[in-house]
Protein backbone atom coordinates (compact mmCIF):
# COMPACT_ATOMS: atom_id res chain seq x y z
CA MET A 1 -0.82 -5.13 43.01
CA ALA A 2 -1.45 -8.80 43.86
CA LEU A 3 -4.06 -9.04 41.08
CA GLU A 4 -1.71 -7.32 38.62
CA ASN A 5 1.11 -9.73 39.48
CA PHE A 6 -1.25 -12.68 39.07
CA ILE A 7 -2.37 -11.47 35.64
CA LEU A 8 1.22 -10.88 34.53
CA GLY A 9 2.25 -14.31 35.77
CA PHE A 10 -0.71 -15.98 34.08
CA ASP A 11 0.12 -14.19 30.83
CA LYS A 12 3.73 -15.37 30.99
CA ALA A 13 2.57 -18.94 31.63
CA LEU A 14 0.24 -18.87 28.63
CA ARG A 15 2.94 -17.41 26.39
CA ALA A 16 5.43 -20.07 27.47
CA LEU A 17 2.98 -22.91 26.92
CA ALA A 18 1.59 -21.54 23.65
CA GLY A 19 5.05 -21.09 22.17
CA VAL A 20 4.62 -17.38 21.50
CA ALA A 21 7.55 -16.12 23.57
CA SER A 22 9.29 -13.06 22.17
CA ALA A 23 13.05 -12.53 22.30
CA SER A 24 14.63 -9.23 23.35
CA ARG A 25 17.91 -10.21 21.68
CA SER A 26 18.56 -11.34 18.14
CA ASN A 27 18.65 -15.06 17.52
CA PRO A 28 22.31 -16.24 17.44
CA ALA A 29 21.32 -18.72 14.74
CA ALA A 30 20.59 -15.86 12.35
CA LYS A 31 24.28 -15.46 11.53
CA ALA A 32 24.98 -19.19 11.32
CA PRO A 33 25.13 -20.78 7.88
CA ASP A 34 22.28 -22.92 6.60
CA SER A 35 23.01 -26.61 6.32
CA VAL A 36 21.44 -29.63 4.72
CA LEU A 37 20.63 -32.34 7.25
CA ASP A 38 19.49 -35.83 6.35
CA ASP A 39 16.33 -37.19 7.99
CA THR A 40 18.20 -38.89 10.82
CA GLU A 41 20.22 -35.77 11.65
CA ARG A 42 17.16 -33.54 11.44
CA ARG A 43 15.15 -35.76 13.81
CA HIS A 44 18.07 -35.94 16.23
CA SER A 45 18.56 -32.17 16.22
CA ALA A 46 14.83 -31.68 16.72
CA GLY A 47 14.80 -34.07 19.66
CA LEU A 48 17.67 -32.28 21.36
CA MET A 49 16.21 -28.83 20.72
CA ARG A 50 12.84 -30.01 22.05
CA VAL A 51 14.61 -31.02 25.25
CA ASN A 52 16.19 -27.56 25.40
CA HIS A 53 12.81 -25.93 24.80
CA VAL A 54 11.30 -27.92 27.68
CA GLY A 55 14.17 -26.76 29.86
CA GLU A 56 13.28 -23.16 29.04
CA VAL A 57 9.61 -23.75 29.79
CA CYS A 58 10.68 -25.05 33.20
CA ALA A 59 13.05 -22.11 33.67
CA GLN A 60 10.18 -19.69 33.08
CA ALA A 61 8.09 -21.46 35.71
CA LEU A 62 10.91 -21.72 38.24
CA TYR A 63 12.07 -18.13 37.98
CA GLN A 64 8.54 -16.74 38.02
CA ALA A 65 7.72 -18.70 41.16
CA GLN A 66 11.01 -17.96 42.92
CA GLY A 67 10.85 -14.27 42.01
CA ARG A 68 7.26 -13.95 43.19
CA PHE A 69 8.07 -15.34 46.63
CA ALA A 70 11.54 -13.84 47.09
CA HIS A 71 11.88 -11.49 50.07
CA ASN A 72 14.70 -9.24 48.87
CA ASP A 73 14.03 -6.67 46.12
CA ALA A 74 17.47 -7.14 44.56
CA ILE A 75 16.81 -10.87 44.32
CA LYS A 76 13.36 -10.28 42.84
CA LEU A 77 15.00 -8.08 40.21
CA GLN A 78 17.60 -10.71 39.40
CA PHE A 79 14.93 -13.36 38.91
CA ALA A 80 13.03 -11.02 36.59
CA GLN A 81 16.16 -10.31 34.53
CA ALA A 82 17.11 -13.98 34.32
CA CYS A 83 13.54 -14.85 33.36
CA SER A 84 13.74 -12.35 30.49
CA GLU A 85 16.94 -13.91 29.17
CA GLU A 86 15.43 -17.38 29.50
CA GLU A 87 12.48 -16.16 27.42
CA ASP A 88 15.00 -15.38 24.68
CA HIS A 89 16.09 -19.01 24.85
CA LEU A 90 12.47 -20.12 24.74
CA ALA A 91 11.83 -18.10 21.58
CA TRP A 92 15.05 -19.22 19.91
CA THR A 93 14.50 -22.92 20.55
CA ALA A 94 10.87 -22.68 19.42
CA GLU A 95 11.96 -21.03 16.18
CA ARG A 96 14.61 -23.67 15.57
CA LEU A 97 12.09 -26.45 16.17
CA ARG A 98 9.84 -24.97 13.49
CA GLU A 99 12.78 -24.74 11.09
CA LEU A 100 13.50 -28.41 11.72
CA GLY A 101 9.90 -29.30 10.93
CA SER A 102 9.11 -30.29 14.49
CA GLY A 103 7.36 -28.87 17.54
CA PRO A 104 7.50 -28.54 21.34
CA SER A 105 6.78 -31.26 23.86
CA ILE A 106 3.11 -32.20 24.19
CA LEU A 107 3.77 -32.51 27.92
CA ASN A 108 4.77 -28.86 28.39
CA PRO A 109 1.80 -28.06 30.67
CA LEU A 110 2.93 -30.86 32.98
CA TRP A 111 6.56 -29.70 32.96
CA TYR A 112 5.52 -26.11 33.63
CA ALA A 113 3.21 -26.99 36.52
CA GLY A 114 5.79 -29.22 38.16
CA ALA A 115 8.55 -26.63 37.86
CA TYR A 116 6.35 -23.85 39.19
CA ALA A 117 5.35 -25.94 42.21
CA MET A 118 9.00 -26.71 42.85
CA GLY A 119 9.93 -23.03 42.61
CA VAL A 120 7.24 -22.08 45.12
CA ALA A 121 8.33 -24.78 47.54
CA VAL A 122 12.01 -23.81 47.37
CA ALA A 123 11.29 -20.09 47.80
CA LYS A 124 8.78 -20.41 50.62
CA VAL A 125 10.37 -23.22 52.60
CA GLY A 126 14.04 -22.49 52.03
CA GLY A 127 14.06 -18.71 51.87
CA ASP A 128 16.15 -16.52 49.59
CA ALA A 129 19.52 -18.16 50.27
CA ARG A 130 18.25 -21.68 49.54
CA SER A 131 16.31 -20.41 46.54
CA LEU A 132 19.47 -18.88 45.10
CA GLY A 133 21.35 -22.07 45.88
CA PHE A 134 18.75 -23.96 43.88
CA VAL A 135 19.46 -21.63 40.94
CA VAL A 136 23.21 -22.25 41.22
CA GLU A 137 22.74 -26.02 41.17
CA THR A 138 20.11 -25.91 38.43
CA GLU A 139 22.32 -23.81 36.19
CA ARG A 140 25.31 -26.05 36.89
CA GLN A 141 23.33 -29.08 35.76
CA VAL A 142 21.86 -27.24 32.77
CA GLU A 143 25.29 -26.08 31.64
CA ALA A 144 26.59 -29.66 31.79
CA HIS A 145 23.57 -30.80 29.82
CA LEU A 146 24.19 -28.13 27.15
CA ILE A 147 27.84 -29.13 26.85
CA ASP A 148 26.65 -32.68 26.23
CA HIS A 149 24.28 -31.43 23.54
CA LEU A 150 27.11 -29.60 21.81
CA LYS A 151 28.92 -32.94 21.62
CA ASN A 152 25.86 -34.72 20.25
CA LEU A 153 24.33 -32.22 17.83
CA PRO A 154 25.30 -32.88 14.19
CA MET A 155 28.39 -30.85 13.34
CA GLU A 156 26.58 -29.57 10.24
CA ASP A 157 23.77 -28.09 12.31
CA ALA A 158 25.42 -24.72 12.87
CA LYS A 159 22.16 -22.95 13.73
CA SER A 160 21.24 -25.23 16.62
CA ARG A 161 24.81 -25.18 17.86
CA ALA A 162 24.89 -21.36 17.86
CA ILE A 163 21.74 -21.23 19.98
CA VAL A 164 23.04 -23.80 22.46
CA GLU A 165 26.37 -21.99 22.77
CA GLN A 166 24.65 -18.73 23.72
CA MET A 167 22.34 -20.55 26.12
CA ARG A 168 25.36 -22.09 27.80
CA THR A 169 26.96 -18.67 28.28
CA ASP A 170 23.76 -17.21 29.75
CA GLU A 171 23.15 -20.13 32.12
CA ALA A 172 26.68 -19.87 33.52
CA SER A 173 26.10 -16.15 34.09
CA HIS A 174 22.81 -16.78 35.92
CA GLY A 175 24.48 -19.27 38.22
CA ALA A 176 27.41 -16.96 38.96
CA THR A 177 25.07 -14.05 39.72
CA ALA A 178 22.97 -16.17 42.07
CA ALA A 179 26.11 -17.29 43.89
CA GLY A 180 27.21 -13.69 44.27
CA LEU A 181 23.87 -12.74 45.83
CA GLY A 182 24.41 -15.12 48.74
CA ALA A 183 23.35 -18.59 47.61
CA ALA A 184 23.39 -21.35 50.20
CA PRO A 185 24.71 -24.79 49.16
CA THR A 186 22.08 -27.24 47.95
CA PRO A 187 22.06 -30.49 50.00
CA LEU A 188 23.36 -33.61 48.29
CA ILE A 189 20.02 -35.42 48.41
CA ALA A 190 18.34 -32.46 46.68
CA ARG A 191 21.04 -32.37 43.98
CA GLN A 192 20.55 -36.08 43.36
CA ALA A 193 16.77 -35.67 43.16
CA MET A 194 17.18 -32.80 40.69
CA ARG A 195 19.40 -34.95 38.46
CA ALA A 196 16.91 -37.83 38.59
CA MET A 197 13.97 -35.60 37.65
CA ALA A 198 15.99 -33.97 34.88
CA LYS A 199 16.82 -37.39 33.47
CA ILE A 200 13.15 -38.33 33.29
CA MET A 201 12.25 -35.03 31.67
CA THR A 202 15.02 -35.03 29.06
CA THR A 203 14.49 -38.66 28.08
CA THR A 204 10.75 -38.14 27.62
CA ALA A 205 10.95 -34.75 25.92
CA TYR A 206 13.34 -36.02 23.24
CA TYR A 207 10.44 -38.06 21.83
CA LEU A 208 7.34 -36.27 23.16
């Protein structure tokens, strides 16, 4: 069983890093109208969607690590379900990047490794309650970040906006579910550190 879990986890990591994630739900952008973006708008949309793609790479790593080291079966199941929905986001953002003539961050292996290590540390040191609390705070910060993207994406870019809107809905749901499973509050210093690391990641990923 341990070997099987390792192989499955390794496969998920490779899929996330190689950009071959598959979505279980239809892409919300499919029903959005096509739009003509000028070069500046296209580059800006691509930068923002690359940031969102990096966020989904990190979400895969975090949820895989936290789920692997969770103690409660119900919590393990929740991490697996959330990870599946985040893989939808990963596939959608990757597809949108291709449509915009761009690609994922060249630093994705670094982002993935760092997020996985963080997930392991939170799950093993803090236990299930702290791990769930980390999810609540992460999703709160991600939702705020997505709201900001909706303000900054070109209004004409209906496809990117449709994807971000659905991501926002899903992230809020993940946070609410984690809270309902018994999440413990995340200490202030940890919340501040999370925001600082997210700032570094988002600023870098917009360009790289």
